[in-house]
């Protein structure tokens, strides 16, 4: 089965989930540094992958020999405290 994602909602949900994991890691007692590092690394990787895919969907394409500038592109960095919403 092939699933086609036509909007960025899918990727923003992955970013939100990764941000929740990263925020939760700040509040837990570390009993295994190796496990902590693995979970944090995987959350950061998933978030980076989702940002990469959003850029692929919405950013202007690179054209050799042209200006190749873009005014802005929204990057989600952290959660509002105790909320499901994200802020840039």
C-alpha atoms as a PDB file:
ATOM      1  CA  UNK A   1       0.000   0.000   0.000  1.00  0.00           C
ATOM      2  CA  UNK A   2       1.254   3.489  -0.871  1.00  0.00           C
ATOM      3  CA  UNK A   3       0.292   6.493   1.240  1.00  0.00           C
ATOM      4  CA  UNK A   4       0.606   9.917  -0.379  1.00  0.00           C
ATOM      5  CA  UNK A   5       0.944  12.905   1.933  1.00  0.00           C
ATOM      6  CA  UNK A   6      -0.340  16.028   0.204  1.00  0.00           C
ATOM      7  CA  UNK A   7       0.027  18.571   2.989  1.00  0.00           C
ATOM      8  CA  UNK A   8       2.461  19.480   5.708  1.00  0.00           C
ATOM      9  CA  UNK A   9       0.054  18.572   8.532  1.00  0.00           C
ATOM     10  CA  UNK A  10       1.596  15.129   8.757  1.00  0.00           C
ATOM     11  CA  UNK A  11       5.082  16.557   9.269  1.00  0.00           C
ATOM     12  CA  UNK A  12       3.941  19.200  11.753  1.00  0.00           C
ATOM     13  CA  UNK A  13       2.355  16.415  13.810  1.00  0.00           C
ATOM     14  CA  UNK A  14       5.690  14.557  13.842  1.00  0.00           C
ATOM     15  CA  UNK A  15       7.429  17.766  14.940  1.00  0.00           C
ATOM     16  CA  UNK A  16       4.861  18.284  17.695  1.00  0.00           C
ATOM     17  CA  UNK A  17       5.339  14.713  18.922  1.00  0.00           C
ATOM     18  CA  UNK A  18       9.131  15.010  18.857  1.00  0.00           C
ATOM     19  CA  UNK A  19       8.915  18.314  20.763  1.00  0.00           C
ATOM     20  CA  UNK A  20       6.704  16.693  23.403  1.00  0.00           C
ATOM     21  CA  UNK A  21       9.219  13.884  23.839  1.00  0.00           C
ATOM     22  CA  UNK A  22      12.099  16.360  24.146  1.00  0.00           C
ATOM     23  CA  UNK A  23      10.152  18.461  26.661  1.00  0.00           C
ATOM     24  CA  UNK A  24       9.316  15.344  28.667  1.00  0.00           C
ATOM     25  CA  UNK A  25      12.959  14.314  28.776  1.00  0.00           C
ATOM     26  CA  UNK A  26      13.752  17.519  30.654  1.00  0.00           C
ATOM     27  CA  UNK A  27      11.437  16.417  33.470  1.00  0.00           C
ATOM     28  CA  UNK A  28      12.420  12.769  33.960  1.00  0.00           C
ATOM     29  CA  UNK A  29      14.988  11.285  36.282  1.00  0.00           C
ATOM     30  CA  UNK A  30      17.798   9.755  34.244  1.00  0.00           C
ATOM     31  CA  UNK A  31      18.261   6.125  35.250  1.00  0.00           C
ATOM     32  CA  UNK A  32      20.152   5.112  32.110  1.00  0.00           C
ATOM     33  CA  UNK A  33      22.228   7.709  30.277  1.00  0.00           C
ATOM     34  CA  UNK A  34      22.462   5.422  27.245  1.00  0.00           C
ATOM     35  CA  UNK A  35      18.671   5.091  26.961  1.00  0.00           C
ATOM     36  CA  UNK A  36      18.192   8.827  27.582  1.00  0.00           C
ATOM     37  CA  UNK A  37      20.683   9.670  24.814  1.00  0.00           C
ATOM     38  CA  UNK A  38      19.044   7.216  22.409  1.00  0.00           C
ATOM     39  CA  UNK A  39      15.542   8.595  22.963  1.00  0.00           C
ATOM     40  CA  UNK A  40      16.743  12.191  22.679  1.00  0.00           C
ATOM     41  CA  UNK A  41      18.737  11.404  19.529  1.00  0.00           C
ATOM     42  CA  UNK A  42      15.804   9.682  17.867  1.00  0.00           C
ATOM     43  CA  UNK A  43      13.429  12.555  18.701  1.00  0.00           C
ATOM     44  CA  UNK A  44      15.909  15.097  17.305  1.00  0.00           C
ATOM     45  CA  UNK A  45      16.373  12.987  14.175  1.00  0.00           C
ATOM     46  CA  UNK A  46      12.629  12.650  13.575  1.00  0.00           C
ATOM     47  CA  UNK A  47      12.157  16.401  14.063  1.00  0.00           C
ATOM     48  CA  UNK A  48      14.982  17.177  11.619  1.00  0.00           C
ATOM     49  CA  UNK A  49      13.537  14.722   9.079  1.00  0.00           C
ATOM     50  CA  UNK A  50      10.115  16.390   9.334  1.00  0.00           C
ATOM     51  CA  UNK A  51      11.632  19.873   8.894  1.00  0.00           C
ATOM     52  CA  UNK A  52      13.575  18.632   5.868  1.00  0.00           C
ATOM     53  CA  UNK A  53      10.387  17.291   4.293  1.00  0.00           C
ATOM     54  CA  UNK A  54       8.508  20.528   4.963  1.00  0.00           C
ATOM     55  CA  UNK A  55      11.255  22.445   3.174  1.00  0.00           C
ATOM     56  CA  UNK A  56      10.974  20.001   0.266  1.00  0.00           C
ATOM     57  CA  UNK A  57       7.221  20.652   0.096  1.00  0.00           C
ATOM     58  CA  UNK A  58       7.044  24.420   0.591  1.00  0.00           C
ATOM     59  CA  UNK A  59      10.380  26.114  -0.048  1.00  0.00           C
ATOM     60  CA  UNK A  60      11.381  27.506  -3.405  1.00  0.00           C
ATOM     61  CA  UNK A  61      13.602  25.223  -5.439  1.00  0.00           C
ATOM     62  CA  UNK A  62      17.259  26.031  -5.977  1.00  0.00           C
ATOM     63  CA  UNK A  63      18.058  27.333  -9.449  1.00  0.00           C
ATOM     64  CA  UNK A  64      21.686  27.527 -10.547  1.00  0.00           C
ATOM     65  CA  UNK A  65      22.841  31.035 -11.387  1.00  0.00           C
ATOM     66  CA  UNK A  66      19.855  32.746  -9.747  1.00  0.00           C
ATOM     67  CA  UNK A  67      19.438  34.703  -6.480  1.00  0.00           C
ATOM     68  CA  UNK A  68      17.875  31.753  -4.583  1.00  0.00           C
ATOM     69  CA  UNK A  69      16.617  33.744  -1.623  1.00  0.00           C
ATOM     70  CA  UNK A  70      13.372  33.269   0.207  1.00  0.00           C
ATOM     71  CA  UNK A  71      11.863  35.686   2.718  1.00  0.00           C
ATOM     72  CA  UNK A  72      10.966  33.148   5.385  1.00  0.00           C
ATOM     73  CA  UNK A  73       9.977  29.611   6.148  1.00  0.00           C
ATOM     74  CA  UNK A  74       8.256  28.629   9.407  1.00  0.00           C
ATOM     75  CA  UNK A  75      10.331  26.356  11.623  1.00  0.00           C
ATOM     76  CA  UNK A  76       8.641  24.988  14.740  1.00  0.00           C
ATOM     77  CA  UNK A  77      11.048  24.973  17.673  1.00  0.00           C
ATOM     78  CA  UNK A  78       9.104  24.465  20.897  1.00  0.00           C
ATOM     79  CA  UNK A  79       5.724  24.032  22.546  1.00  0.00           C
ATOM     80  CA  UNK A  80       3.620  26.581  24.328  1.00  0.00           C
ATOM     81  CA  UNK A  81       3.664  25.574  28.000  1.00  0.00           C
ATOM     82  CA  UNK A  82       0.966  22.977  28.764  1.00  0.00           C
ATOM     83  CA  UNK A  83      -0.562  23.265  25.310  1.00  0.00           C
ATOM     84  CA  UNK A  84      -0.874  21.211  22.152  1.00  0.00           C
ATOM     85  CA  UNK A  85       0.021  24.226  20.015  1.00  0.00           C
ATOM     86  CA  UNK A  86       3.458  24.995  18.681  1.00  0.00           C
ATOM     87  CA  UNK A  87       5.310  28.278  18.395  1.00  0.00           C
ATOM     88  CA  UNK A  88       8.075  29.265  15.982  1.00  0.00           C
END
